[in-house]
């Protein structure tokens, strides 16, 4: 297997893992917001990743498998190395990506990249009770490995509109190759309020107020 890791960024980045790595900086422009129905944003990111893979293939022509890794996760080198070691041909394998929600007195954990793993929408866990092992899912994204052939057969990534999504495993043709889509819950990556301010992280006082409001709503609903 000849695996090449590919990312996109404004500035050059590195990945401390023993595989070829290419960070694509060409064509960067400021695109604000995180609206998953914003077609300008979806097409911009998708086009840059397609260009990134094309350039990576020029540099590393023997590539036959690709690791897509968003720049947010480049510092998780040990976890990425573990993901690579778990990968098998015939799979599209993604790392699991989580966020801790400090909105109420008892924090919960939810799945961050639900655009990819739609099975986890609306689900919550305690931090010491997260899923483990390999789980078959409908899609993976953000940090995932796949055979280059799936991308080539699709003429690159496409943008989906029903529902809106980009850069997930559903955006290339894994079906015709009989690929299994697997989520590796033994490889856990995290998003935090430091890199996404939309993740709730309230003060202890506000968490108390929010919790009281939640308890009152539950009592009224009985």
N, C-alpha and C. Protein backbone atom coordinates (compact mmCIF):
# COMPACT_ATOMS: atom_id res chain seq x y z
N UNK A 1 0.84 -1.20 0.00
CA UNK A 1 0.00 0.00 0.00
C UNK A 1 0.88 1.25 0.00
N UNK A 2 0.61 2.15 -0.90
CA UNK A 2 1.31 3.43 -0.96
C UNK A 2 0.32 4.54 -0.57
N UNK A 3 0.38 4.92 0.69
CA UNK A 3 -0.57 5.89 1.25
C UNK A 3 0.06 7.28 1.27
N UNK A 4 -0.72 8.25 0.81
CA UNK A 4 -0.31 9.64 0.88
C UNK A 4 -1.36 10.42 1.66
N UNK A 5 -0.91 11.23 2.62
CA UNK A 5 -1.81 12.09 3.41
C UNK A 5 -1.92 13.45 2.73
N UNK A 6 -3.14 13.99 2.70
CA UNK A 6 -3.41 15.25 2.00
C UNK A 6 -4.24 16.15 2.90
N UNK A 7 -3.86 17.42 2.96
CA UNK A 7 -4.61 18.42 3.72
C UNK A 7 -4.65 19.71 2.92
N UNK A 8 -5.52 20.62 3.33
CA UNK A 8 -5.55 21.96 2.74
C UNK A 8 -5.44 22.97 3.88
N UNK A 9 -4.82 24.11 3.59
CA UNK A 9 -4.63 25.12 4.62
C UNK A 9 -4.28 26.45 3.98
N UNK A 10 -4.37 27.51 4.76
CA UNK A 10 -3.89 28.82 4.31
C UNK A 10 -2.37 28.84 4.26
N UNK A 11 -1.73 28.26 5.29
CA UNK A 11 -0.28 28.27 5.42
C UNK A 11 0.23 26.83 5.43
N UNK A 12 1.48 26.62 5.07
CA UNK A 12 2.05 25.26 5.08
C UNK A 12 1.97 24.64 6.47
N UNK A 13 1.60 23.36 6.50
CA UNK A 13 1.51 22.61 7.76
C UNK A 13 2.31 21.33 7.62
N UNK A 14 2.53 20.67 8.76
CA UNK A 14 3.25 19.40 8.75
C UNK A 14 2.43 18.35 9.48
N UNK A 15 2.76 17.09 9.22
CA UNK A 15 2.12 15.96 9.89
C UNK A 15 3.22 15.00 10.29
N UNK A 16 3.36 14.78 11.58
CA UNK A 16 4.45 13.97 12.10
C UNK A 16 4.07 12.48 12.11
N UNK A 17 3.84 11.96 10.91
CA UNK A 17 3.52 10.55 10.71
C UNK A 17 4.37 10.05 9.54
N UNK A 18 4.78 8.79 9.60
CA UNK A 18 5.73 8.27 8.61
C UNK A 18 5.04 7.85 7.31
N UNK A 19 4.35 8.78 6.68
CA UNK A 19 3.82 8.58 5.33
C UNK A 19 4.03 9.87 4.56
N UNK A 20 4.10 9.82 3.24
CA UNK A 20 4.19 11.06 2.46
C UNK A 20 3.02 11.98 2.78
N UNK A 21 3.29 13.28 2.84
CA UNK A 21 2.26 14.26 3.20
C UNK A 21 2.37 15.47 2.29
N UNK A 22 1.20 15.92 1.83
CA UNK A 22 1.15 17.13 1.01
C UNK A 22 0.09 18.06 1.58
N UNK A 23 0.48 19.31 1.88
CA UNK A 23 -0.45 20.34 2.35
C UNK A 23 -0.64 21.35 1.23
N UNK A 24 -1.85 21.48 0.77
CA UNK A 24 -2.17 22.33 -0.37
C UNK A 24 -2.55 23.73 0.12
N UNK A 25 -1.77 24.72 -0.27
CA UNK A 25 -2.05 26.10 0.13
C UNK A 25 -2.52 26.96 -1.04
N UNK A 26 -2.39 26.45 -2.25
CA UNK A 26 -2.78 27.24 -3.42
C UNK A 26 -4.29 27.46 -3.46
N UNK A 27 -4.69 28.63 -3.87
CA UNK A 27 -6.12 28.91 -4.05
C UNK A 27 -6.85 29.28 -2.78
N UNK A 28 -6.10 29.49 -1.67
CA UNK A 28 -6.79 29.85 -0.43
C UNK A 28 -7.44 31.22 -0.55
N UNK A 29 -8.63 31.34 0.02
CA UNK A 29 -9.28 32.64 0.16
C UNK A 29 -10.18 32.58 1.38
N UNK A 30 -10.46 33.71 2.00
CA UNK A 30 -11.30 33.68 3.21
C UNK A 30 -12.75 33.33 2.86
N UNK A 31 -13.25 32.27 3.46
CA UNK A 31 -14.65 31.88 3.31
C UNK A 31 -15.21 31.78 4.72
N UNK A 32 -16.09 32.69 5.07
CA UNK A 32 -16.57 32.79 6.44
C UNK A 32 -17.80 31.91 6.65
N UNK A 33 -18.01 31.56 7.93
CA UNK A 33 -19.22 30.85 8.30
C UNK A 33 -19.07 29.35 8.21
N UNK A 34 -20.02 28.65 8.84
CA UNK A 34 -20.02 27.19 8.85
C UNK A 34 -21.36 26.65 8.38
N UNK A 35 -22.06 27.41 7.55
CA UNK A 35 -23.38 26.99 7.08
C UNK A 35 -23.21 25.83 6.10
N UNK A 36 -23.73 24.66 6.49
CA UNK A 36 -23.57 23.47 5.65
C UNK A 36 -24.42 23.50 4.39
N UNK A 37 -25.28 24.51 4.24
CA UNK A 37 -26.06 24.67 3.02
C UNK A 37 -25.51 25.79 2.14
N UNK A 38 -24.38 26.34 2.50
CA UNK A 38 -23.75 27.42 1.74
C UNK A 38 -22.96 26.79 0.59
N UNK A 39 -23.53 26.83 -0.63
CA UNK A 39 -22.93 26.15 -1.76
C UNK A 39 -21.58 26.75 -2.14
N UNK A 40 -21.39 28.04 -1.92
CA UNK A 40 -20.09 28.66 -2.22
C UNK A 40 -19.02 28.03 -1.35
N UNK A 41 -19.30 27.89 -0.05
CA UNK A 41 -18.35 27.28 0.87
C UNK A 41 -18.12 25.81 0.53
N UNK A 42 -19.19 25.07 0.28
CA UNK A 42 -19.06 23.64 0.00
C UNK A 42 -18.23 23.40 -1.26
N UNK A 43 -18.49 24.18 -2.30
CA UNK A 43 -17.77 23.98 -3.56
C UNK A 43 -16.32 24.44 -3.44
N UNK A 44 -16.10 25.51 -2.70
CA UNK A 44 -14.73 26.01 -2.51
C UNK A 44 -13.86 24.95 -1.84
N UNK A 45 -14.33 24.37 -0.73
CA UNK A 45 -13.53 23.37 -0.01
C UNK A 45 -13.37 22.11 -0.85
N UNK A 46 -14.45 21.69 -1.51
CA UNK A 46 -14.38 20.49 -2.35
C UNK A 46 -13.40 20.68 -3.50
N UNK A 47 -13.46 21.82 -4.17
CA UNK A 47 -12.55 22.08 -5.30
C UNK A 47 -11.10 22.10 -4.84
N UNK A 48 -10.85 22.68 -3.66
CA UNK A 48 -9.47 22.73 -3.17
C UNK A 48 -8.95 21.34 -2.83
N UNK A 49 -9.80 20.49 -2.27
CA UNK A 49 -9.34 19.14 -1.97
C UNK A 49 -9.10 18.33 -3.24
N UNK A 50 -9.95 18.51 -4.24
CA UNK A 50 -9.70 17.83 -5.52
C UNK A 50 -8.37 18.28 -6.11
N UNK A 51 -8.11 19.59 -6.07
CA UNK A 51 -6.84 20.11 -6.57
C UNK A 51 -5.67 19.60 -5.74
N UNK A 52 -5.88 19.45 -4.43
CA UNK A 52 -4.82 18.96 -3.55
C UNK A 52 -4.43 17.53 -3.90
N UNK A 53 -5.42 16.68 -4.15
CA UNK A 53 -5.11 15.30 -4.50
C UNK A 53 -4.40 15.24 -5.86
N UNK A 54 -4.87 16.03 -6.81
CA UNK A 54 -4.21 16.05 -8.12
C UNK A 54 -2.74 16.43 -7.98
N UNK A 55 -2.45 17.45 -7.17
CA UNK A 55 -1.07 17.88 -6.98
C UNK A 55 -0.27 16.82 -6.22
N UNK A 56 -0.88 16.20 -5.22
CA UNK A 56 -0.20 15.16 -4.46
C UNK A 56 0.20 13.99 -5.36
N UNK A 57 -0.65 13.67 -6.34
CA UNK A 57 -0.34 12.57 -7.26
C UNK A 57 0.82 12.93 -8.18
N UNK A 58 0.98 14.21 -8.49
CA UNK A 58 2.14 14.63 -9.27
C UNK A 58 3.42 14.43 -8.48
N UNK A 59 3.35 14.71 -7.18
CA UNK A 59 4.53 14.60 -6.32
C UNK A 59 4.81 13.15 -5.94
N UNK A 60 3.74 12.40 -5.67
CA UNK A 60 3.86 11.01 -5.23
C UNK A 60 3.04 10.12 -6.18
N UNK A 61 3.53 9.86 -7.39
CA UNK A 61 2.73 9.16 -8.40
C UNK A 61 2.41 7.70 -8.07
N UNK A 62 3.13 7.09 -7.12
CA UNK A 62 2.85 5.70 -6.75
C UNK A 62 1.66 5.57 -5.80
N UNK A 63 1.09 6.69 -5.39
CA UNK A 63 -0.03 6.68 -4.43
C UNK A 63 -1.17 5.80 -4.90
N UNK A 64 -1.64 4.92 -4.04
CA UNK A 64 -2.84 4.14 -4.36
C UNK A 64 -3.90 4.21 -3.26
N UNK A 65 -3.56 4.82 -2.12
CA UNK A 65 -4.53 5.09 -1.06
C UNK A 65 -4.28 6.49 -0.53
N UNK A 66 -5.35 7.14 -0.07
CA UNK A 66 -5.26 8.54 0.34
C UNK A 66 -5.81 8.70 1.76
N UNK A 67 -5.09 9.45 2.56
CA UNK A 67 -5.60 9.91 3.86
C UNK A 67 -5.95 11.38 3.74
N UNK A 68 -7.22 11.70 3.82
CA UNK A 68 -7.67 13.09 3.90
C UNK A 68 -7.66 13.49 5.37
N UNK A 69 -7.00 14.60 5.69
CA UNK A 69 -6.97 15.06 7.07
C UNK A 69 -7.10 16.58 7.11
N UNK A 70 -8.21 17.05 7.65
CA UNK A 70 -8.40 18.48 7.80
C UNK A 70 -7.32 19.04 8.73
N UNK A 71 -6.95 20.28 8.51
CA UNK A 71 -5.82 20.87 9.23
C UNK A 71 -6.04 20.91 10.75
N UNK A 72 -7.30 20.90 11.19
CA UNK A 72 -7.58 20.91 12.63
C UNK A 72 -6.98 19.70 13.34
N UNK A 73 -6.76 18.62 12.61
CA UNK A 73 -6.39 17.34 13.23
C UNK A 73 -4.94 16.95 12.99
N UNK A 74 -4.16 17.83 12.40
CA UNK A 74 -2.78 17.49 12.09
C UNK A 74 -1.93 17.28 13.34
N UNK A 75 -2.33 17.89 14.46
CA UNK A 75 -1.53 17.73 15.69
C UNK A 75 -1.84 16.44 16.42
N UNK A 76 -2.80 15.65 15.93
CA UNK A 76 -3.11 14.36 16.54
C UNK A 76 -2.29 13.25 15.88
N UNK A 77 -0.98 13.45 15.79
CA UNK A 77 -0.15 12.51 15.04
C UNK A 77 -0.21 11.07 15.58
N UNK A 78 -0.12 10.83 16.89
CA UNK A 78 -0.19 9.43 17.36
C UNK A 78 -1.51 8.76 17.00
N UNK A 79 -2.61 9.50 17.11
CA UNK A 79 -3.92 8.93 16.77
C UNK A 79 -4.00 8.64 15.27
N UNK A 80 -3.47 9.53 14.45
CA UNK A 80 -3.49 9.32 13.00
C UNK A 80 -2.65 8.10 12.64
N UNK A 81 -1.50 7.93 13.30
CA UNK A 81 -0.67 6.75 13.05
C UNK A 81 -1.42 5.47 13.40
N UNK A 82 -2.19 5.51 14.48
CA UNK A 82 -3.00 4.34 14.85
C UNK A 82 -4.07 4.07 13.81
N UNK A 83 -4.72 5.11 13.32
CA UNK A 83 -5.72 4.93 12.27
C UNK A 83 -5.10 4.24 11.05
N UNK A 84 -3.94 4.69 10.65
CA UNK A 84 -3.26 4.09 9.50
C UNK A 84 -2.98 2.61 9.77
N UNK A 85 -2.56 2.29 10.97
CA UNK A 85 -2.24 0.89 11.29
C UNK A 85 -3.48 0.01 11.29
N UNK A 86 -4.65 0.59 11.53
CA UNK A 86 -5.90 -0.18 11.56
C UNK A 86 -6.51 -0.35 10.17
N UNK A 87 -6.05 0.43 9.22
CA UNK A 87 -6.68 0.46 7.89
C UNK A 87 -6.44 -0.84 7.13
N UNK A 88 -7.48 -1.25 6.38
CA UNK A 88 -7.38 -2.41 5.50
C UNK A 88 -7.91 -2.04 4.12
N UNK A 89 -7.30 -2.60 3.09
CA UNK A 89 -7.83 -2.42 1.74
C UNK A 89 -9.26 -2.95 1.70
N UNK A 90 -10.10 -2.30 0.93
CA UNK A 90 -11.51 -2.67 0.88
C UNK A 90 -12.36 -1.88 1.84
N UNK A 91 -11.71 -0.95 2.57
CA UNK A 91 -12.43 -0.09 3.52
C UNK A 91 -12.32 1.36 3.11
N UNK A 92 -13.25 2.14 3.62
CA UNK A 92 -13.09 3.58 3.83
C UNK A 92 -13.18 3.75 5.34
N UNK A 93 -12.06 4.13 5.95
CA UNK A 93 -11.95 4.11 7.41
C UNK A 93 -11.73 5.52 7.94
N UNK A 94 -12.57 5.92 8.89
CA UNK A 94 -12.48 7.25 9.46
C UNK A 94 -12.18 7.24 10.95
N UNK A 95 -11.40 8.22 11.41
CA UNK A 95 -11.25 8.44 12.84
C UNK A 95 -12.55 9.00 13.40
N UNK A 96 -12.83 8.74 14.66
CA UNK A 96 -14.03 9.30 15.29
C UNK A 96 -13.68 10.67 15.88
N UNK A 97 -14.62 11.61 15.76
CA UNK A 97 -14.34 13.01 16.11
C UNK A 97 -15.42 13.50 17.08
N UNK A 98 -15.00 14.04 18.23
CA UNK A 98 -15.92 14.31 19.32
C UNK A 98 -15.79 15.75 19.82
N UNK A 99 -16.80 16.16 20.57
CA UNK A 99 -16.75 17.45 21.26
C UNK A 99 -17.39 17.28 22.64
N UNK A 100 -16.83 17.98 23.63
CA UNK A 100 -17.40 17.97 24.98
C UNK A 100 -18.26 19.22 25.14
N UNK A 101 -19.51 19.01 25.55
CA UNK A 101 -20.48 20.09 25.67
C UNK A 101 -20.62 20.50 27.13
N UNK A 102 -20.07 21.65 27.49
CA UNK A 102 -20.19 22.16 28.85
C UNK A 102 -21.28 23.22 28.88
N UNK A 103 -22.51 22.72 28.72
CA UNK A 103 -23.69 23.58 28.67
C UNK A 103 -24.50 23.47 29.96
N UNK A 104 -24.50 22.25 30.53
CA UNK A 104 -25.21 22.01 31.78
C UNK A 104 -24.21 21.57 32.85
N UNK A 105 -24.69 21.39 34.08
CA UNK A 105 -23.79 21.03 35.17
C UNK A 105 -23.03 19.74 34.89
N UNK A 106 -23.72 18.78 34.28
CA UNK A 106 -23.06 17.52 33.93
C UNK A 106 -22.70 17.57 32.44
N UNK A 107 -21.43 17.74 32.11
CA UNK A 107 -21.05 17.81 30.70
C UNK A 107 -21.39 16.51 29.96
N UNK A 108 -21.68 16.65 28.69
CA UNK A 108 -21.91 15.49 27.84
C UNK A 108 -20.93 15.56 26.66
N UNK A 109 -20.85 14.47 25.95
CA UNK A 109 -20.05 14.40 24.73
C UNK A 109 -20.96 14.04 23.58
N UNK A 110 -20.79 14.74 22.47
CA UNK A 110 -21.55 14.43 21.26
C UNK A 110 -20.59 14.27 20.10
N UNK A 111 -21.10 13.68 19.03
CA UNK A 111 -20.25 13.49 17.86
C UNK A 111 -20.16 14.80 17.10
N UNK A 112 -18.95 15.19 16.74
CA UNK A 112 -18.74 16.50 16.12
C UNK A 112 -19.12 16.49 14.63
N UNK A 113 -18.65 15.51 13.90
CA UNK A 113 -18.79 15.52 12.44
C UNK A 113 -20.02 14.72 12.01
N UNK A 114 -21.21 15.21 12.39
CA UNK A 114 -22.43 14.48 12.03
C UNK A 114 -22.82 14.66 10.57
N UNK A 115 -22.17 15.59 9.86
CA UNK A 115 -22.37 15.62 8.41
C UNK A 115 -21.93 14.29 7.80
N UNK A 116 -20.88 13.70 8.36
CA UNK A 116 -20.37 12.42 7.87
C UNK A 116 -21.11 11.25 8.51
N UNK A 117 -21.09 11.20 9.83
CA UNK A 117 -21.68 10.07 10.56
C UNK A 117 -23.08 10.46 11.02
N UNK A 118 -24.03 10.29 10.13
CA UNK A 118 -25.39 10.76 10.40
C UNK A 118 -26.10 9.92 11.45
N UNK A 119 -25.59 8.71 11.70
CA UNK A 119 -26.20 7.86 12.73
C UNK A 119 -26.08 8.45 14.12
N UNK A 120 -25.14 9.38 14.33
CA UNK A 120 -24.90 9.92 15.66
C UNK A 120 -25.58 11.27 15.90
N UNK A 121 -26.40 11.71 14.97
CA UNK A 121 -27.11 12.97 15.15
C UNK A 121 -28.03 12.88 16.37
N UNK A 122 -27.94 13.87 17.26
CA UNK A 122 -28.83 13.93 18.42
C UNK A 122 -28.49 12.98 19.55
N UNK A 123 -27.33 12.30 19.48
CA UNK A 123 -26.96 11.36 20.53
C UNK A 123 -25.91 11.99 21.45
N UNK A 124 -25.96 11.59 22.75
CA UNK A 124 -25.06 12.14 23.75
C UNK A 124 -24.52 11.02 24.61
N UNK A 125 -23.27 11.19 25.07
CA UNK A 125 -22.61 10.21 25.91
C UNK A 125 -21.93 10.92 27.09
N UNK A 126 -21.56 10.14 28.10
CA UNK A 126 -20.62 10.60 29.10
C UNK A 126 -19.21 10.31 28.60
N UNK A 127 -18.25 11.10 29.03
CA UNK A 127 -16.91 11.00 28.47
C UNK A 127 -16.26 9.65 28.72
N UNK A 128 -16.63 8.98 29.82
CA UNK A 128 -16.03 7.68 30.13
C UNK A 128 -16.83 6.52 29.57
N UNK A 129 -17.81 6.82 28.71
CA UNK A 129 -18.68 5.77 28.18
C UNK A 129 -18.86 5.91 26.67
N UNK A 130 -17.82 6.34 25.97
CA UNK A 130 -17.91 6.53 24.53
C UNK A 130 -17.79 5.20 23.79
N UNK A 131 -18.33 5.12 22.57
CA UNK A 131 -18.22 3.89 21.79
C UNK A 131 -16.77 3.50 21.56
N UNK A 132 -16.54 2.20 21.40
CA UNK A 132 -15.21 1.68 21.14
C UNK A 132 -15.26 0.72 19.96
N UNK A 133 -14.09 0.48 19.40
CA UNK A 133 -13.99 -0.50 18.32
C UNK A 133 -14.38 0.07 16.96
N UNK A 134 -14.53 -0.83 16.01
CA UNK A 134 -14.89 -0.48 14.63
C UNK A 134 -16.39 -0.60 14.46
N UNK A 135 -17.02 0.43 13.92
CA UNK A 135 -18.47 0.47 13.76
C UNK A 135 -18.78 0.75 12.28
N UNK A 136 -19.61 -0.09 11.63
CA UNK A 136 -20.05 0.24 10.27
C UNK A 136 -20.96 1.46 10.30
N UNK A 137 -20.73 2.41 9.42
CA UNK A 137 -21.52 3.64 9.38
C UNK A 137 -21.82 3.99 7.92
N UNK A 138 -22.70 4.98 7.75
CA UNK A 138 -23.08 5.39 6.40
C UNK A 138 -22.04 6.29 5.74
N UNK A 139 -21.19 6.93 6.56
CA UNK A 139 -20.19 7.81 5.97
C UNK A 139 -19.15 8.21 7.01
N UNK A 140 -17.96 8.58 6.52
CA UNK A 140 -16.90 9.13 7.36
C UNK A 140 -16.33 10.35 6.66
N UNK A 141 -15.60 11.16 7.42
CA UNK A 141 -15.03 12.36 6.83
C UNK A 141 -14.05 13.02 7.78
N UNK A 142 -13.44 14.11 7.33
CA UNK A 142 -12.53 14.97 8.10
C UNK A 142 -11.15 14.36 8.32
N UNK A 143 -11.09 13.09 8.73
CA UNK A 143 -9.83 12.36 8.85
C UNK A 143 -10.13 10.91 8.49
N UNK A 144 -9.86 10.56 7.25
CA UNK A 144 -10.28 9.23 6.78
C UNK A 144 -9.40 8.75 5.64
N UNK A 145 -9.38 7.43 5.44
CA UNK A 145 -8.52 6.78 4.46
C UNK A 145 -9.39 6.02 3.47
N UNK A 146 -8.99 6.03 2.21
CA UNK A 146 -9.77 5.33 1.17
C UNK A 146 -8.85 4.98 0.01
N UNK A 147 -9.26 4.00 -0.82
CA UNK A 147 -8.50 3.68 -2.03
C UNK A 147 -8.61 4.82 -3.05
N UNK A 148 -7.51 5.19 -3.65
CA UNK A 148 -7.51 6.24 -4.66
C UNK A 148 -8.50 5.93 -5.78
N UNK A 149 -8.68 4.66 -6.08
CA UNK A 149 -9.55 4.25 -7.19
C UNK A 149 -10.97 4.80 -7.01
N UNK A 150 -11.45 4.89 -5.77
CA UNK A 150 -12.80 5.40 -5.52
C UNK A 150 -12.91 6.85 -5.94
N UNK A 151 -11.87 7.62 -5.70
CA UNK A 151 -11.84 9.04 -6.12
C UNK A 151 -11.71 9.15 -7.63
N UNK A 152 -10.89 8.32 -8.21
CA UNK A 152 -10.70 8.36 -9.66
C UNK A 152 -11.97 7.94 -10.40
N UNK A 153 -12.65 6.92 -9.90
CA UNK A 153 -13.89 6.46 -10.55
C UNK A 153 -14.98 7.52 -10.52
N UNK A 154 -14.89 8.45 -9.57
CA UNK A 154 -15.92 9.49 -9.41
C UNK A 154 -15.53 10.79 -10.09
N UNK A 155 -14.35 10.81 -10.73
CA UNK A 155 -13.81 12.07 -11.28
C UNK A 155 -13.70 13.12 -10.19
N UNK A 156 -13.26 12.69 -9.02
CA UNK A 156 -13.07 13.60 -7.91
C UNK A 156 -14.26 13.65 -6.97
N UNK A 157 -14.11 14.39 -5.88
CA UNK A 157 -15.20 14.59 -4.95
C UNK A 157 -16.30 15.45 -5.58
N UNK A 158 -17.53 15.18 -5.19
CA UNK A 158 -18.65 16.01 -5.61
C UNK A 158 -19.35 16.58 -4.38
N UNK A 159 -20.12 17.63 -4.59
CA UNK A 159 -20.92 18.21 -3.52
C UNK A 159 -22.30 17.60 -3.56
N UNK A 160 -22.78 17.15 -2.42
CA UNK A 160 -24.13 16.60 -2.31
C UNK A 160 -25.09 17.70 -1.86
N UNK A 161 -26.32 17.63 -2.33
CA UNK A 161 -27.29 18.65 -1.96
C UNK A 161 -28.51 18.10 -1.23
N UNK A 162 -28.62 16.80 -1.06
CA UNK A 162 -29.80 16.24 -0.39
C UNK A 162 -29.40 15.04 0.48
N UNK A 163 -28.94 15.28 1.70
CA UNK A 163 -28.72 16.60 2.31
C UNK A 163 -27.40 17.20 1.85
N UNK A 164 -27.18 18.46 2.19
CA UNK A 164 -25.95 19.13 1.80
C UNK A 164 -24.75 18.50 2.52
N UNK A 165 -23.74 18.15 1.76
CA UNK A 165 -22.52 17.65 2.36
C UNK A 165 -21.37 17.72 1.37
N UNK A 166 -20.18 17.70 1.93
CA UNK A 166 -18.96 17.76 1.13
C UNK A 166 -17.89 16.91 1.81
N UNK A 167 -16.99 16.36 1.03
CA UNK A 167 -15.79 15.72 1.54
C UNK A 167 -16.06 14.59 2.51
N UNK A 168 -17.21 13.91 2.36
CA UNK A 168 -17.45 12.69 3.11
C UNK A 168 -17.26 11.52 2.16
N UNK A 169 -17.27 10.31 2.72
CA UNK A 169 -17.10 9.13 1.88
C UNK A 169 -18.26 8.94 0.91
N UNK A 170 -19.40 9.57 1.21
CA UNK A 170 -20.53 9.47 0.28
C UNK A 170 -20.32 10.33 -0.97
N UNK A 171 -19.30 11.18 -0.95
CA UNK A 171 -19.05 12.08 -2.08
C UNK A 171 -18.14 11.47 -3.14
N UNK A 172 -17.76 10.21 -2.96
CA UNK A 172 -17.06 9.46 -3.99
C UNK A 172 -17.72 8.09 -4.10
N UNK A 173 -17.37 7.34 -5.13
CA UNK A 173 -18.03 6.07 -5.42
C UNK A 173 -17.29 4.92 -4.76
N UNK A 174 -17.72 4.57 -3.56
CA UNK A 174 -17.19 3.37 -2.93
C UNK A 174 -18.04 2.15 -3.19
N UNK A 175 -19.27 2.36 -3.64
CA UNK A 175 -20.22 1.26 -3.82
C UNK A 175 -19.76 0.32 -4.91
N UNK A 176 -19.36 0.86 -6.06
CA UNK A 176 -18.99 0.00 -7.19
C UNK A 176 -17.75 -0.84 -6.88
N UNK A 177 -16.94 -0.39 -5.92
CA UNK A 177 -15.76 -1.14 -5.51
C UNK A 177 -16.05 -2.08 -4.33
N UNK A 178 -17.28 -2.03 -3.84
CA UNK A 178 -17.64 -2.88 -2.71
C UNK A 178 -16.96 -2.52 -1.42
N UNK A 179 -16.69 -1.22 -1.22
CA UNK A 179 -15.96 -0.80 -0.04
C UNK A 179 -16.87 -0.74 1.19
N UNK A 180 -16.36 -1.16 2.32
CA UNK A 180 -17.05 -1.02 3.59
C UNK A 180 -16.66 0.32 4.22
N UNK A 181 -17.63 1.01 4.80
CA UNK A 181 -17.36 2.28 5.47
C UNK A 181 -17.36 2.03 6.97
N UNK A 182 -16.20 2.26 7.60
CA UNK A 182 -16.02 1.92 9.00
C UNK A 182 -15.54 3.13 9.78
N UNK A 183 -16.08 3.29 10.99
CA UNK A 183 -15.65 4.33 11.92
C UNK A 183 -14.82 3.69 13.01
N UNK A 184 -13.61 4.21 13.21
CA UNK A 184 -12.70 3.66 14.21
C UNK A 184 -12.86 4.45 15.51
N UNK A 185 -13.64 3.89 16.43
CA UNK A 185 -13.90 4.57 17.70
C UNK A 185 -12.78 4.35 18.72
N UNK A 186 -11.76 3.59 18.33
CA UNK A 186 -10.56 3.51 19.16
C UNK A 186 -9.58 4.62 18.81
N UNK A 187 -9.87 5.36 17.74
CA UNK A 187 -9.08 6.53 17.37
C UNK A 187 -9.97 7.74 17.54
N UNK A 188 -9.76 8.49 18.61
CA UNK A 188 -10.63 9.61 18.97
C UNK A 188 -9.89 10.94 18.79
N UNK A 189 -10.47 11.81 17.97
CA UNK A 189 -9.98 13.17 17.80
C UNK A 189 -11.01 14.11 18.43
N UNK A 190 -10.55 15.32 18.79
CA UNK A 190 -11.42 16.23 19.53
C UNK A 190 -11.42 17.61 18.91
N UNK A 191 -12.61 18.24 18.88
CA UNK A 191 -12.73 19.67 18.60
C UNK A 191 -13.09 20.37 19.89
N UNK A 192 -12.60 21.59 20.07
CA UNK A 192 -12.76 22.32 21.32
C UNK A 192 -13.22 23.75 21.03
N UNK A 193 -13.66 24.47 22.06
CA UNK A 193 -14.03 25.88 21.85
C UNK A 193 -12.89 26.73 21.33
N UNK A 194 -11.66 26.30 21.54
CA UNK A 194 -10.51 27.06 21.05
C UNK A 194 -10.45 27.07 19.52
N UNK A 195 -10.87 25.98 18.88
CA UNK A 195 -10.86 25.98 17.41
C UNK A 195 -12.26 26.05 16.80
N UNK A 196 -13.28 26.00 17.64
CA UNK A 196 -14.65 26.24 17.17
C UNK A 196 -15.46 26.86 18.31
N UNK A 197 -15.63 28.18 18.30
CA UNK A 197 -16.33 28.85 19.40
C UNK A 197 -17.81 28.49 19.51
N UNK A 198 -18.36 27.77 18.54
CA UNK A 198 -19.76 27.35 18.62
C UNK A 198 -19.96 26.19 19.59
N UNK A 199 -18.88 25.54 20.01
CA UNK A 199 -19.01 24.45 20.97
C UNK A 199 -19.29 25.05 22.35
N UNK A 200 -20.39 24.66 22.99
CA UNK A 200 -20.76 25.30 24.27
C UNK A 200 -19.76 25.00 25.38
N UNK A 201 -19.29 26.06 26.03
CA UNK A 201 -18.39 25.93 27.17
C UNK A 201 -18.67 27.09 28.11
N UNK A 202 -19.72 26.93 28.93
CA UNK A 202 -20.21 28.03 29.74
C UNK A 202 -19.54 28.05 31.12
N UNK A 203 -19.66 29.18 31.80
CA UNK A 203 -19.18 29.29 33.17
C UNK A 203 -20.04 28.41 34.08
N UNK A 204 -19.52 28.12 35.27
CA UNK A 204 -20.25 27.27 36.21
C UNK A 204 -21.62 27.88 36.55
N UNK A 205 -21.67 29.22 36.71
CA UNK A 205 -22.94 29.87 37.03
C UNK A 205 -23.96 29.72 35.91
N UNK A 206 -23.51 29.94 34.68
CA UNK A 206 -24.45 29.82 33.55
C UNK A 206 -24.89 28.37 33.38
N UNK A 207 -23.99 27.42 33.62
CA UNK A 207 -24.36 26.01 33.51
C UNK A 207 -25.41 25.66 34.56
N UNK A 208 -25.31 26.26 35.75
CA UNK A 208 -26.31 26.03 36.79
C UNK A 208 -27.66 26.59 36.35
N UNK A 209 -27.67 27.81 35.82
CA UNK A 209 -28.91 28.42 35.34
C UNK A 209 -29.52 27.59 34.23
N UNK A 210 -28.71 27.14 33.27
CA UNK A 210 -29.21 26.33 32.17
C UNK A 210 -29.79 25.01 32.68
N UNK A 211 -29.13 24.42 33.69
CA UNK A 211 -29.60 23.15 34.24
C UNK A 211 -30.93 23.32 34.96
N UNK A 212 -31.07 24.41 35.74
CA UNK A 212 -32.35 24.67 36.42
C UNK A 212 -33.47 24.83 35.41
N UNK A 213 -33.19 25.56 34.33
CA UNK A 213 -34.21 25.73 33.30
C UNK A 213 -34.59 24.41 32.67
N UNK A 214 -33.63 23.54 32.43
CA UNK A 214 -33.91 22.23 31.86
C UNK A 214 -34.75 21.39 32.81
N UNK A 215 -34.41 21.40 34.11
CA UNK A 215 -35.18 20.63 35.09
C UNK A 215 -36.62 21.13 35.17
N UNK A 216 -36.81 22.46 35.13
CA UNK A 216 -38.17 23.01 35.19
C UNK A 216 -38.98 22.57 33.97
N UNK A 217 -38.37 22.57 32.82
CA UNK A 217 -39.08 22.15 31.60
C UNK A 217 -39.48 20.68 31.70
N UNK A 218 -38.61 19.87 32.26
CA UNK A 218 -38.93 18.45 32.41
C UNK A 218 -40.09 18.24 33.37
N UNK A 219 -40.09 19.02 34.48
CA UNK A 219 -41.18 18.89 35.47
C UNK A 219 -42.51 19.32 34.84
N UNK A 220 -42.52 20.40 34.09
CA UNK A 220 -43.74 20.88 33.45
C UNK A 220 -44.26 19.89 32.41
N UNK A 221 -43.35 19.15 31.78
CA UNK A 221 -43.76 18.24 30.72
C UNK A 221 -44.38 16.94 31.26
N UNK A 222 -44.23 16.72 32.56
CA UNK A 222 -44.78 15.49 33.15
C UNK A 222 -46.30 15.53 33.24
